[in-house]
Amino acid sequence: MLIAEVSQKYDITADTLRYYERIGLIPPVNRNASGIRDYTEEDCNWVHFIKCMRNAGLSIEVLVGYVTMFQQGNSTIKARKELLIEQRSQLAEKIKEMQQTLERLDKKICNL
């Protein structure tokens, strides 16, 4: 799949995809004989994962760390799991705070 197709499918600019690859946020994408990026299903899975995690508020630095550990192999499984557990905990706290804010807004709306 060409970068334009991936860009459209995941609603991410081609420049962002190139940036993500350059900084190690997604593993290097294979190139075809003409040197054009040729995204595989696995590459697309990484793009989808990173987009999802970024939408959830995970920082680029945390995600680069995760991808780096992933590329190092099974010896990093424990560290990756710990990182994801910590990020999940932070996300759960953000959701709790947002739920409280939503409830407060609902009360304000009902009182108007």
PDB file of N, CA and C in Angstrom:
ATOM      1  N   MET A   1       0.856  -1.168   0.000  1.00  0.00           N
ATOM      2  CA  MET A   1       0.000   0.000   0.000  1.00  0.00           C
ATOM      3  C   MET A   1       0.908   1.239   0.000  1.00  0.00           C
ATOM      4  N   LEU A   2       0.627   2.167  -0.866  1.00  0.00           N
ATOM      5  CA  LEU A   2       1.437   3.377  -0.969  1.00  0.00           C
ATOM      6  C   LEU A   2       1.115   4.353   0.159  1.00  0.00           C
ATOM      7  N   ILE A   3       2.032   5.261   0.400  1.00  0.00           N
ATOM      8  CA  ILE A   3       1.889   6.197   1.506  1.00  0.00           C
ATOM      9  C   ILE A   3       0.614   7.030   1.390  1.00  0.00           C
ATOM     10  N   ALA A   4       0.228   7.388   0.183  1.00  0.00           N
ATOM     11  CA  ALA A   4      -1.001   8.174  -0.006  1.00  0.00           C
ATOM     12  C   ALA A   4      -2.218   7.378   0.437  1.00  0.00           C
ATOM     13  N   GLU A   5      -2.205   6.075   0.171  1.00  0.00           N
ATOM     14  CA  GLU A   5      -3.327   5.220   0.573  1.00  0.00           C
ATOM     15  C   GLU A   5      -3.383   5.055   2.087  1.00  0.00           C
ATOM     16  N   VAL A   6      -2.224   4.880   2.690  1.00  0.00           N
ATOM     17  CA  VAL A   6      -2.157   4.746   4.149  1.00  0.00           C
ATOM     18  C   VAL A   6      -2.579   6.055   4.800  1.00  0.00           C
ATOM     19  N   SER A   7      -2.117   7.145   4.246  1.00  0.00           N
ATOM     20  CA  SER A   7      -2.471   8.472   4.732  1.00  0.00           C
ATOM     21  C   SER A   7      -3.981   8.662   4.732  1.00  0.00           C
ATOM     22  N   GLN A   8      -4.606   8.296   3.648  1.00  0.00           N
ATOM     23  CA  GLN A   8      -6.060   8.446   3.534  1.00  0.00           C
ATOM     24  C   GLN A   8      -6.791   7.475   4.462  1.00  0.00           C
ATOM     25  N   LYS A   9      -6.342   6.240   4.508  1.00  0.00           N
ATOM     26  CA  LYS A   9      -7.007   5.216   5.316  1.00  0.00           C
ATOM     27  C   LYS A   9      -7.026   5.580   6.797  1.00  0.00           C
ATOM     28  N   TYR A  10      -5.907   6.141   7.295  1.00  0.00           N
ATOM     29  CA  TYR A  10      -5.786   6.432   8.724  1.00  0.00           C
ATOM     30  C   TYR A  10      -5.908   7.913   9.049  1.00  0.00           C
ATOM     31  N   ASP A  11      -6.205   8.723   8.033  1.00  0.00           N
ATOM     32  CA  ASP A  11      -6.369  10.160   8.215  1.00  0.00           C
ATOM     33  C   ASP A  11      -5.149  10.784   8.897  1.00  0.00           C
ATOM     34  N   ILE A  12      -3.999  10.463   8.353  1.00  0.00           N
ATOM     35  CA  ILE A  12      -2.713  10.986   8.821  1.00  0.00           C
ATOM     36  C   ILE A  12      -1.985  11.497   7.583  1.00  0.00           C
ATOM     37  N   THR A  13      -1.379  12.643   7.673  1.00  0.00           N
ATOM     38  CA  THR A  13      -0.678  13.157   6.497  1.00  0.00           C
ATOM     39  C   THR A  13       0.532  12.291   6.155  1.00  0.00           C
ATOM     40  N   ALA A  14       0.912  12.322   4.900  1.00  0.00           N
ATOM     41  CA  ALA A  14       2.103  11.594   4.462  1.00  0.00           C
ATOM     42  C   ALA A  14       3.336  12.111   5.194  1.00  0.00           C
ATOM     43  N   ASP A  15       3.393  13.422   5.421  1.00  0.00           N
ATOM     44  CA  ASP A  15       4.524  13.999   6.165  1.00  0.00           C
ATOM     45  C   ASP A  15       4.600  13.424   7.576  1.00  0.00           C
ATOM     46  N   THR A  16       3.441  13.250   8.216  1.00  0.00           N
ATOM     47  CA  THR A  16       3.418  12.686   9.566  1.00  0.00           C
ATOM     48  C   THR A  16       3.896  11.239   9.539  1.00  0.00           C
ATOM     49  N   LEU A  17       3.463  10.486   8.543  1.00  0.00           N
ATOM     50  CA  LEU A  17       3.918   9.096   8.425  1.00  0.00           C
ATOM     51  C   LEU A  17       5.427   9.029   8.235  1.00  0.00           C
ATOM     52  N   ARG A  18       5.975   9.896   7.409  1.00  0.00           N
ATOM     53  CA  ARG A  18       7.434   9.933   7.206  1.00  0.00           C
ATOM     54  C   ARG A  18       8.142  10.301   8.504  1.00  0.00           C
ATOM     55  N   TYR A  19       7.587  11.281   9.216  1.00  0.00           N
ATOM     56  CA  TYR A  19       8.152  11.708  10.498  1.00  0.00           C
ATOM     57  C   TYR A  19       8.133  10.557  11.498  1.00  0.00           C
ATOM     58  N   TYR A  20       6.996   9.875  11.609  1.00  0.00           N
ATOM     59  CA  TYR A  20       6.881   8.750  12.533  1.00  0.00           C
ATOM     60  C   TYR A  20       7.938   7.685  12.232  1.00  0.00           C
ATOM     61  N   GLU A  21       8.174   7.432  10.968  1.00  0.00           N
ATOM     62  CA  GLU A  21       9.183   6.444  10.585  1.00  0.00           C
ATOM     63  C   GLU A  21      10.580   6.955  10.915  1.00  0.00           C
ATOM     64  N   ARG A  22      10.844   8.219  10.617  1.00  0.00           N
ATOM     65  CA  ARG A  22      12.167   8.801  10.835  1.00  0.00           C
ATOM     66  C   ARG A  22      12.574   8.771  12.302  1.00  0.00           C
ATOM     67  N   ILE A  23      11.613   9.026  13.221  1.00  0.00           N
ATOM     68  CA  ILE A  23      11.961   9.068  14.642  1.00  0.00           C
ATOM     69  C   ILE A  23      11.827   7.704  15.327  1.00  0.00           C
ATOM     70  N   GLY A  24      11.429   6.688  14.567  1.00  0.00           N
ATOM     71  CA  GLY A  24      11.330   5.350  15.121  1.00  0.00           C
ATOM     72  C   GLY A  24      10.006   5.035  15.771  1.00  0.00           C
ATOM     73  N   LEU A  25       9.000   5.851  15.506  1.00  0.00           N
ATOM     74  CA  LEU A  25       7.679   5.617  16.076  1.00  0.00           C
ATOM     75  C   LEU A  25       6.981   4.453  15.388  1.00  0.00           C
ATOM     76  N   ILE A  26       7.289   4.251  14.127  1.00  0.00           N
ATOM     77  CA  ILE A  26       6.879   3.033  13.430  1.00  0.00           C
ATOM     78  C   ILE A  26       8.155   2.421  12.852  1.00  0.00           C
ATOM     79  N   PRO A  27       8.218   1.111  12.807  1.00  0.00           N
ATOM     80  CA  PRO A  27       9.421   0.475  12.246  1.00  0.00           C
ATOM     81  C   PRO A  27       9.633   0.898  10.795  1.00  0.00           C
ATOM     82  N   PRO A  28      10.869   0.797  10.317  1.00  0.00           N
ATOM     83  CA  PRO A  28      11.153   1.171   8.932  1.00  0.00           C
ATOM     84  C   PRO A  28      10.242   0.435   7.944  1.00  0.00           C
ATOM     85  N   VAL A  29       9.729   1.170   6.986  1.00  0.00           N
ATOM     86  CA  VAL A  29       8.824   0.621   5.982  1.00  0.00           C
ATOM     87  C   VAL A  29       9.654   0.191   4.774  1.00  0.00           C
ATOM     88  N   ASN A  30       9.365  -1.002   4.256  1.00  0.00           N
ATOM     89  CA  ASN A  30      10.067  -1.482   3.063  1.00  0.00           C
ATOM     90  C   ASN A  30       9.792  -0.565   1.878  1.00  0.00           C
ATOM     91  N   ARG A  31      10.715  -0.554   0.958  1.00  0.00           N
ATOM     92  CA  ARG A  31      10.576   0.232  -0.273  1.00  0.00           C
ATOM     93  C   ARG A  31      10.477  -0.713  -1.458  1.00  0.00           C
ATOM     94  N   ASN A  32       9.738  -0.269  -2.474  1.00  0.00           N
ATOM     95  CA  ASN A  32       9.662  -1.071  -3.696  1.00  0.00           C
ATOM     96  C   ASN A  32      10.901  -0.804  -4.548  1.00  0.00           C
ATOM     97  N   ALA A  33      10.952  -1.395  -5.722  1.00  0.00           N
ATOM     98  CA  ALA A  33      12.123  -1.264  -6.597  1.00  0.00           C
ATOM     99  C   ALA A  33      12.410   0.193  -6.970  1.00  0.00           C
ATOM    100  N   SER A  34      11.378   1.031  -6.958  1.00  0.00           N
ATOM    101  CA  SER A  34      11.549   2.448  -7.290  1.00  0.00           C
ATOM    102  C   SER A  34      11.907   3.292  -6.071  1.00  0.00           C
ATOM    103  N   GLY A  35      12.023   2.657  -4.920  1.00  0.00           N
ATOM    104  CA  GLY A  35      12.371   3.384  -3.700  1.00  0.00           C
ATOM    105  C   GLY A  35      11.177   4.008  -2.999  1.00  0.00           C
ATOM    106  N   ILE A  36       9.979   3.676  -3.430  1.00  0.00           N
ATOM    107  CA  ILE A  36       8.756   4.228  -2.842  1.00  0.00           C
ATOM    108  C   ILE A  36       8.310   3.328  -1.684  1.00  0.00           C
ATOM    109  N   ARG A  37       7.899   3.953  -0.582  1.00  0.00           N
ATOM    110  CA  ARG A  37       7.427   3.178   0.561  1.00  0.00           C
ATOM    111  C   ARG A  37       6.260   2.275   0.149  1.00  0.00           C
ATOM    112  N   ASP A  38       6.351   1.034   0.601  1.00  0.00           N
ATOM    113  CA  ASP A  38       5.326   0.039   0.301  1.00  0.00           C
ATOM    114  C   ASP A  38       4.874  -0.572   1.633  1.00  0.00           C
ATOM    115  N   TYR A  39       3.790  -0.036   2.182  1.00  0.00           N
ATOM    116  CA  TYR A  39       3.304  -0.436   3.496  1.00  0.00           C
ATOM    117  C   TYR A  39       2.639  -1.809   3.435  1.00  0.00           C
ATOM    118  N   THR A  40       3.074  -2.693   4.321  1.00  0.00           N
ATOM    119  CA  THR A  40       2.472  -4.014   4.453  1.00  0.00           C
ATOM    120  C   THR A  40       1.331  -3.928   5.465  1.00  0.00           C
ATOM    121  N   GLU A  41       0.627  -5.032   5.628  1.00  0.00           N
ATOM    122  CA  GLU A  41      -0.428  -5.083   6.637  1.00  0.00           C
ATOM    123  C   GLU A  41       0.157  -4.857   8.028  1.00  0.00           C
ATOM    124  N   GLU A  42       1.344  -5.420   8.279  1.00  0.00           N
ATOM    125  CA  GLU A  42       1.999  -5.221   9.572  1.00  0.00           C
ATOM    126  C   GLU A  42       2.344  -3.755   9.792  1.00  0.00           C
ATOM    127  N   ASP A  43       2.850  -3.083   8.753  1.00  0.00           N
ATOM    128  CA  ASP A  43       3.147  -1.649   8.853  1.00  0.00           C
ATOM    129  C   ASP A  43       1.875  -0.869   9.185  1.00  0.00           C
ATOM    130  N   CYS A  44       0.791  -1.226   8.513  1.00  0.00           N
ATOM    131  CA  CYS A  44      -0.488  -0.551   8.755  1.00  0.00           C
ATOM    132  C   CYS A  44      -0.978  -0.801  10.174  1.00  0.00           C
ATOM    133  N   ASN A  45      -0.732  -1.992  10.692  1.00  0.00           N
ATOM    134  CA  ASN A  45      -1.098  -2.277  12.082  1.00  0.00           C
ATOM    135  C   ASN A  45      -0.342  -1.358  13.042  1.00  0.00           C
ATOM    136  N   TRP A  46       0.933  -1.104  12.744  1.00  0.00           N
ATOM    137  CA  TRP A  46       1.705  -0.173  13.564  1.00  0.00           C
ATOM    138  C   TRP A  46       1.136   1.245  13.478  1.00  0.00           C
ATOM    139  N   VAL A  47       0.812   1.671  12.277  1.00  0.00           N
ATOM    140  CA  VAL A  47       0.234   3.009  12.092  1.00  0.00           C
ATOM    141  C   VAL A  47      -1.059   3.122  12.894  1.00  0.00           C
ATOM    142  N   HIS A  48      -1.902   2.118  12.796  1.00  0.00           N
ATOM    143  CA  HIS A  48      -3.172   2.132  13.522  1.00  0.00           C
ATOM    144  C   HIS A  48      -2.934   2.147  15.036  1.00  0.00           C
ATOM    145  N   PHE A  49      -2.016   1.335  15.513  1.00  0.00           N
ATOM    146  CA  PHE A  49      -1.678   1.291  16.937  1.00  0.00           C
ATOM    147  C   PHE A  49      -1.188   2.658  17.418  1.00  0.00           C
ATOM    148  N   ILE A  50      -0.263   3.248  16.677  1.00  0.00           N
ATOM    149  CA  ILE A  50       0.301   4.541  17.087  1.00  0.00           C
ATOM    150  C   ILE A  50      -0.773   5.622  17.067  1.00  0.00           C
ATOM    151  N   LYS A  51      -1.604   5.629  16.051  1.00  0.00           N
ATOM    152  CA  LYS A  51      -2.673   6.631  15.989  1.00  0.00           C
ATOM    153  C   LYS A  51      -3.609   6.476  17.184  1.00  0.00           C
ATOM    154  N   CYS A  52      -3.978   5.260  17.490  1.00  0.00           N
ATOM    155  CA  CYS A  52      -4.863   4.986  18.622  1.00  0.00           C
ATOM    156  C   CYS A  52      -4.222   5.452  19.934  1.00  0.00           C
ATOM    157  N   MET A  53      -2.979   5.119  20.125  1.00  0.00           N
ATOM    158  CA  MET A  53      -2.280   5.485  21.364  1.00  0.00           C
ATOM    159  C   MET A  53      -2.084   6.999  21.470  1.00  0.00           C
ATOM    160  N   ARG A  54      -1.782   7.638  20.359  1.00  0.00           N
ATOM    161  CA  ARG A  54      -1.637   9.109  20.367  1.00  0.00           C
ATOM    162  C   ARG A  54      -2.981   9.756  20.690  1.00  0.00           C
ATOM    163  N   ASN A  55      -4.077   9.230  20.120  1.00  0.00           N
ATOM    164  CA  ASN A  55      -5.404   9.763  20.420  1.00  0.00           C
ATOM    165  C   ASN A  55      -5.762   9.586  21.891  1.00  0.00           C
ATOM    166  N   ALA A  56      -5.197   8.567  22.506  1.00  0.00           N
ATOM    167  CA  ALA A  56      -5.444   8.320  23.926  1.00  0.00           C
ATOM    168  C   ALA A  56      -4.547   9.186  24.816  1.00  0.00           C
ATOM    169  N   GLY A  57      -3.623   9.916  24.197  1.00  0.00           N
ATOM    170  CA  GLY A  57      -2.800  10.844  24.956  1.00  0.00           C
ATOM    171  C   GLY A  57      -1.393  10.368  25.263  1.00  0.00           C
ATOM    172  N   LEU A  58      -0.987   9.195  24.778  1.00  0.00           N
ATOM    173  CA  LEU A  58       0.373   8.742  25.031  1.00  0.00           C
ATOM    174  C   LEU A  58       1.347   9.627  24.258  1.00  0.00           C
ATOM    175  N   SER A  59       2.455   9.930  24.892  1.00  0.00           N
ATOM    176  CA  SER A  59       3.433  10.818  24.268  1.00  0.00           C
ATOM    177  C   SER A  59       4.235  10.079  23.203  1.00  0.00           C
ATOM    178  N   ILE A  60       4.792  10.847  22.308  1.00  0.00           N
ATOM    179  CA  ILE A  60       5.655  10.281  21.276  1.00  0.00           C
ATOM    180  C   ILE A  60       6.851   9.589  21.922  1.00  0.00           C
ATOM    181  N   GLU A  61       7.411  10.196  22.961  1.00  0.00           N
ATOM    182  CA  GLU A  61       8.580   9.632  23.622  1.00  0.00           C
ATOM    183  C   GLU A  61       8.281   8.242  24.190  1.00  0.00           C
ATOM    184  N   VAL A  62       7.137   8.096  24.845  1.00  0.00           N
ATOM    185  CA  VAL A  62       6.749   6.809  25.414  1.00  0.00           C
ATOM    186  C   VAL A  62       6.584   5.779  24.305  1.00  0.00           C
ATOM    187  N   LEU A  63       5.931   6.188  23.229  1.00  0.00           N
ATOM    188  CA  LEU A  63       5.693   5.252  22.135  1.00  0.00           C
ATOM    189  C   LEU A  63       6.973   4.868  21.408  1.00  0.00           C
ATOM    190  N   VAL A  64       7.899   5.799  21.233  1.00  0.00           N
ATOM    191  CA  VAL A  64       9.189   5.466  20.624  1.00  0.00           C
ATOM    192  C   VAL A  64       9.903   4.451  21.510  1.00  0.00           C
ATOM    193  N   GLY A  65       9.827   4.646  22.816  1.00  0.00           N
ATOM    194  CA  GLY A  65      10.429   3.688  23.747  1.00  0.00           C
ATOM    195  C   GLY A  65       9.819   2.309  23.600  1.00  0.00           C
ATOM    196  N   TYR A  66       8.500   2.262  23.475  1.00  0.00           N
ATOM    197  CA  TYR A  66       7.811   0.985  23.310  1.00  0.00           C
ATOM    198  C   TYR A  66       8.251   0.296  22.022  1.00  0.00           C
ATOM    199  N   VAL A  67       8.251   1.029  20.920  1.00  0.00           N
ATOM    200  CA  VAL A  67       8.625   0.449  19.624  1.00  0.00           C
ATOM    201  C   VAL A  67      10.079  -0.030  19.662  1.00  0.00           C
ATOM    202  N   THR A  68      10.942   0.761  20.279  1.00  0.00           N
ATOM    203  CA  THR A  68      12.356   0.371  20.397  1.00  0.00           C
ATOM    204  C   THR A  68      12.488  -0.941  21.165  1.00  0.00           C
ATOM    205  N   MET A  69      11.770  -1.041  22.281  1.00  0.00           N
ATOM    206  CA  MET A  69      11.817  -2.274  23.054  1.00  0.00           C
ATOM    207  C   MET A  69      11.247  -3.438  22.252  1.00  0.00           C
ATOM    208  N   PHE A  70      10.153  -3.198  21.541  1.00  0.00           N
ATOM    209  CA  PHE A  70       9.543  -4.253  20.727  1.00  0.00           C
ATOM    210  C   PHE A  70      10.548  -4.805  19.726  1.00  0.00           C
ATOM    211  N   GLN A  71      11.291  -3.918  19.106  1.00  0.00           N
ATOM    212  CA  GLN A  71      12.259  -4.330  18.095  1.00  0.00           C
ATOM    213  C   GLN A  71      13.427  -5.100  18.705  1.00  0.00           C
ATOM    214  N   GLN A  72      13.644  -4.951  20.017  1.00  0.00           N
ATOM    215  CA  GLN A  72      14.725  -5.674  20.688  1.00  0.00           C
ATOM    216  C   GLN A  72      14.346  -7.118  20.989  1.00  0.00           C
ATOM    217  N   GLY A  73      13.071  -7.431  20.863  1.00  0.00           N
ATOM    218  CA  GLY A  73      12.663  -8.819  20.992  1.00  0.00           C
ATOM    219  C   GLY A  73      12.039  -9.179  22.330  1.00  0.00           C
ATOM    220  N   ASN A  74      11.901 -10.481  22.526  1.00  0.00           N
ATOM    221  CA  ASN A  74      11.181 -11.017  23.682  1.00  0.00           C
ATOM    222  C   ASN A  74      11.812 -10.687  25.031  1.00  0.00           C
ATOM    223  N   SER A  75      13.070 -10.332  25.048  1.00  0.00           N
ATOM    224  CA  SER A  75      13.725 -10.005  26.318  1.00  0.00           C
ATOM    225  C   SER A  75      13.132  -8.743  26.948  1.00  0.00           C
ATOM    226  N   THR A  76      12.359  -7.975  26.177  1.00  0.00           N
ATOM    227  CA  THR A  76      11.787  -6.730  26.691  1.00  0.00           C
ATOM    228  C   THR A  76      10.302  -6.846  27.021  1.00  0.00           C
ATOM    229  N   ILE A  77       9.763  -8.058  26.959  1.00  0.00           N
ATOM    230  CA  ILE A  77       8.321  -8.217  27.183  1.00  0.00           C
ATOM    231  C   ILE A  77       7.901  -7.660  28.539  1.00  0.00           C
ATOM    232  N   LYS A  78       8.641  -7.965  29.583  1.00  0.00           N
ATOM    233  CA  LYS A  78       8.283  -7.489  30.926  1.00  0.00           C
ATOM    234  C   LYS A  78       8.298  -5.960  30.974  1.00  0.00           C
ATOM    235  N   ALA A  79       9.319  -5.344  30.422  1.00  0.00           N
ATOM    236  CA  ALA A  79       9.422  -3.882  30.430  1.00  0.00           C
ATOM    237  C   ALA A  79       8.300  -3.253  29.609  1.00  0.00           C
ATOM    238  N   ARG A  80       7.972  -3.866  28.467  1.00  0.00           N
ATOM    239  CA  ARG A  80       6.881  -3.347  27.637  1.00  0.00           C
ATOM    240  C   ARG A  80       5.555  -3.440  28.369  1.00  0.00           C
ATOM    241  N   LYS A  81       5.339  -4.559  29.032  1.00  0.00           N
ATOM    242  CA  LYS A  81       4.096  -4.729  29.783  1.00  0.00           C
ATOM    243  C   LYS A  81       3.996  -3.690  30.892  1.00  0.00           C
ATOM    244  N   GLU A  82       5.091  -3.466  31.611  1.00  0.00           N
ATOM    245  CA  GLU A  82       5.099  -2.457  32.679  1.00  0.00           C
ATOM    246  C   GLU A  82       4.803  -1.070  32.117  1.00  0.00           C
ATOM    247  N   LEU A  83       5.403  -0.747  30.983  1.00  0.00           N
ATOM    248  CA  LEU A  83       5.157   0.556  30.352  1.00  0.00           C
ATOM    249  C   LEU A  83       3.682   0.693  30.000  1.00  0.00           C
ATOM    250  N   LEU A  84       3.105  -0.339  29.390  1.00  0.00           N
ATOM    251  CA  LEU A  84       1.696  -0.271  29.004  1.00  0.00           C
ATOM    252  C   LEU A  84       0.777  -0.211  30.217  1.00  0.00           C
ATOM    253  N   ILE A  85       1.115  -0.917  31.277  1.00  0.00           N
ATOM    254  CA  ILE A  85       0.309  -0.867  32.502  1.00  0.00           C
ATOM    255  C   ILE A  85       0.331   0.539  33.087  1.00  0.00           C
ATOM    256  N   GLU A  86       1.494   1.164  33.105  1.00  0.00           N
ATOM    257  CA  GLU A  86       1.606   2.530  33.620  1.00  0.00           C
ATOM    258  C   GLU A  86       0.798   3.500  32.760  1.00  0.00           C
ATOM    259  N   GLN A  87       0.896   3.367  31.447  1.00  0.00           N
ATOM    260  CA  GLN A  87       0.141   4.250  30.559  1.00  0.00           C
ATOM    261  C   GLN A  87      -1.357   4.018  30.703  1.00  0.00           C
ATOM    262  N   ARG A  88      -1.749   2.769  30.894  1.00  0.00           N
ATOM    263  CA  ARG A  88      -3.164   2.457  31.105  1.00  0.00           C
ATOM    264  C   ARG A  88      -3.673   3.112  32.375  1.00  0.00           C
ATOM    265  N   SER A  89      -2.874   3.060  33.413  1.00  0.00           N
ATOM    266  CA  SER A  89      -3.249   3.679  34.684  1.00  0.00           C
ATOM    267  C   SER A  89      -3.448   5.186  34.514  1.00  0.00           C
ATOM    268  N   GLN A  90      -2.532   5.814  33.809  1.00  0.00           N
ATOM    269  CA  GLN A  90      -2.643   7.257  33.572  1.00  0.00           C
ATOM    270  C   GLN A  90      -3.885   7.573  32.742  1.00  0.00           C
ATOM    271  N   LEU A  91      -4.155   6.755  31.737  1.00  0.00           N
ATOM    272  CA  LEU A  91      -5.330   6.959  30.898  1.00  0.00           C
ATOM    273  C   LEU A  91      -6.613   6.781  31.700  1.00  0.00           C
ATOM    274  N   ALA A  92      -6.652   5.769  32.548  1.00  0.00           N
ATOM    275  CA  ALA A  92      -7.831   5.540  33.381  1.00  0.00           C
ATOM    276  C   ALA A  92      -8.094   6.740  34.287  1.00  0.00           C
ATOM    277  N   GLU A  93      -7.032   7.334  34.808  1.00  0.00           N
ATOM    278  CA  GLU A  93      -7.190   8.520  35.657  1.00  0.00           C
ATOM    279  C   GLU A  93      -7.722   9.698  34.843  1.00  0.00           C
ATOM    280  N   LYS A  94      -7.225   9.878  33.637  1.00  0.00           N
ATOM    281  CA  LYS A  94      -7.731  10.944  32.766  1.00  0.00           C
ATOM    282  C   LYS A  94      -9.206  10.736  32.450  1.00  0.00           C
ATOM    283  N   ILE A  95      -9.579   9.495  32.180  1.00  0.00           N
ATOM    284  CA  ILE A  95     -10.985   9.191  31.887  1.00  0.00           C
ATOM    285  C   ILE A  95     -11.852   9.514  33.098  1.00  0.00           C
ATOM    286  N   LYS A  96     -11.382   9.167  34.272  1.00  0.00           N
ATOM    287  CA  LYS A  96     -12.120   9.467  35.504  1.00  0.00           C
ATOM    288  C   LYS A  96     -12.323  10.974  35.650  1.00  0.00           C
ATOM    289  N   GLU A  97     -11.263  11.734  35.423  1.00  0.00           N
ATOM    290  CA  GLU A  97     -11.355  13.191  35.514  1.00  0.00           C
ATOM    291  C   GLU A  97     -12.319  13.746  34.467  1.00  0.00           C
ATOM    292  N   MET A  98     -12.262  13.213  33.270  1.00  0.00           N
ATOM    293  CA  MET A  98     -13.154  13.687  32.211  1.00  0.00           C
ATOM    294  C   MET A  98     -14.607  13.325  32.522  1.00  0.00           C
ATOM    295  N   GLN A  99     -14.825  12.155  33.101  1.00  0.00           N
ATOM    296  CA  GLN A  99     -16.178  11.756  33.484  1.00  0.00           C
ATOM    297  C   GLN A  99     -16.733  12.712  34.538  1.00  0.00           C
ATOM    298  N   GLN A 100     -15.899  13.096  35.491  1.00  0.00           N
ATOM    299  CA  GLN A 100     -16.324  14.056  36.509  1.00  0.00           C
ATOM    300  C   GLN A 100     -16.656  15.402  35.873  1.00  0.00           C
ATOM    301  N   THR A 101     -15.856  15.830  34.929  1.00  0.00           N
ATOM    302  CA  THR A 101     -16.114  17.081  34.222  1.00  0.00           C
ATOM    303  C   THR A 101     -17.416  17.003  33.442  1.00  0.00           C
ATOM    304  N   LEU A 102     -17.648  15.882  32.788  1.00  0.00           N
ATOM    305  CA  LEU A 102     -18.886  15.680  32.044  1.00  0.00           C
ATOM    306  C   LEU A 102     -20.097  15.747  32.971  1.00  0.00           C
ATOM    307  N   GLU A 103     -20.000  15.105  34.118  1.00  0.00           N
ATOM    308  CA  GLU A 103     -21.102  15.148  35.082  1.00  0.00           C
ATOM    309  C   GLU A 103     -21.349  16.567  35.576  1.00  0.00           C
ATOM    310  N   ARG A 104     -20.297  17.310  35.790  1.00  0.00           N
ATOM    311  CA  ARG A 104     -20.453  18.711  36.224  1.00  0.00           C
ATOM    312  C   ARG A 104     -21.117  19.543  35.147  1.00  0.00           C
ATOM    313  N   LEU A 105     -20.712  19.330  33.901  1.00  0.00           N
ATOM    314  CA  LEU A 105     -21.349  20.041  32.791  1.00  0.00           C
ATOM    315  C   LEU A 105     -22.830  19.683  32.681  1.00  0.00           C
ATOM    316  N   ASP A 106     -23.149  18.419  32.836  1.00  0.00           N
ATOM    317  CA  ASP A 106     -24.540  17.985  32.785  1.00  0.00           C
ATOM    318  C   ASP A 106     -25.369  18.697  33.854  1.00  0.00           C
ATOM    319  N   LYS A 107     -24.825  18.829  35.050  1.00  0.00           N
ATOM    320  CA  LYS A 107     -25.530  19.512  36.126  1.00  0.00           C
ATOM    321  C   LYS A 107     -25.734  20.984  35.793  1.00  0.00           C
ATOM    322  N   LYS A 108     -24.703  21.611  35.247  1.00  0.00           N
ATOM    323  CA  LYS A 108     -24.822  23.030  34.856  1.00  0.00           C
ATOM    324  C   LYS A 108     -25.903  23.202  33.796  1.00  0.00           C
ATOM    325  N   ILE A 109     -25.907  22.307  32.820  1.00  0.00           N
ATOM    326  CA  ILE A 109     -26.889  22.389  31.748  1.00  0.00           C
ATOM    327  C   ILE A 109     -28.289  22.227  32.298  1.00  0.00           C
ATOM    328  N   CYS A 110     -28.480  21.282  33.197  1.00  0.00           N
ATOM    329  CA  CYS A 110     -29.807  21.041  33.787  1.00  0.00           C
ATOM    330  C   CYS A 110     -30.274  22.229  34.627  1.00  0.00           C
ATOM    331  N   ASN A 111     -29.357  22.967  35.194  1.00  0.00           N
ATOM    332  CA  ASN A 111     -29.692  24.109  36.056  1.00  0.00           C
ATOM    333  C   ASN A 111     -29.950  25.403  35.280  1.00  0.00           C
ATOM    334  N   LEU A 112     -29.744  25.376  33.982  1.00  0.00           N
ATOM    335  CA  LEU A 112     -29.973  26.586  33.179  1.00  0.00           C
ATOM    336  C   LEU A 112     -31.425  26.688  32.731  1.00  0.00           C
TER     337      LEU A 112
END
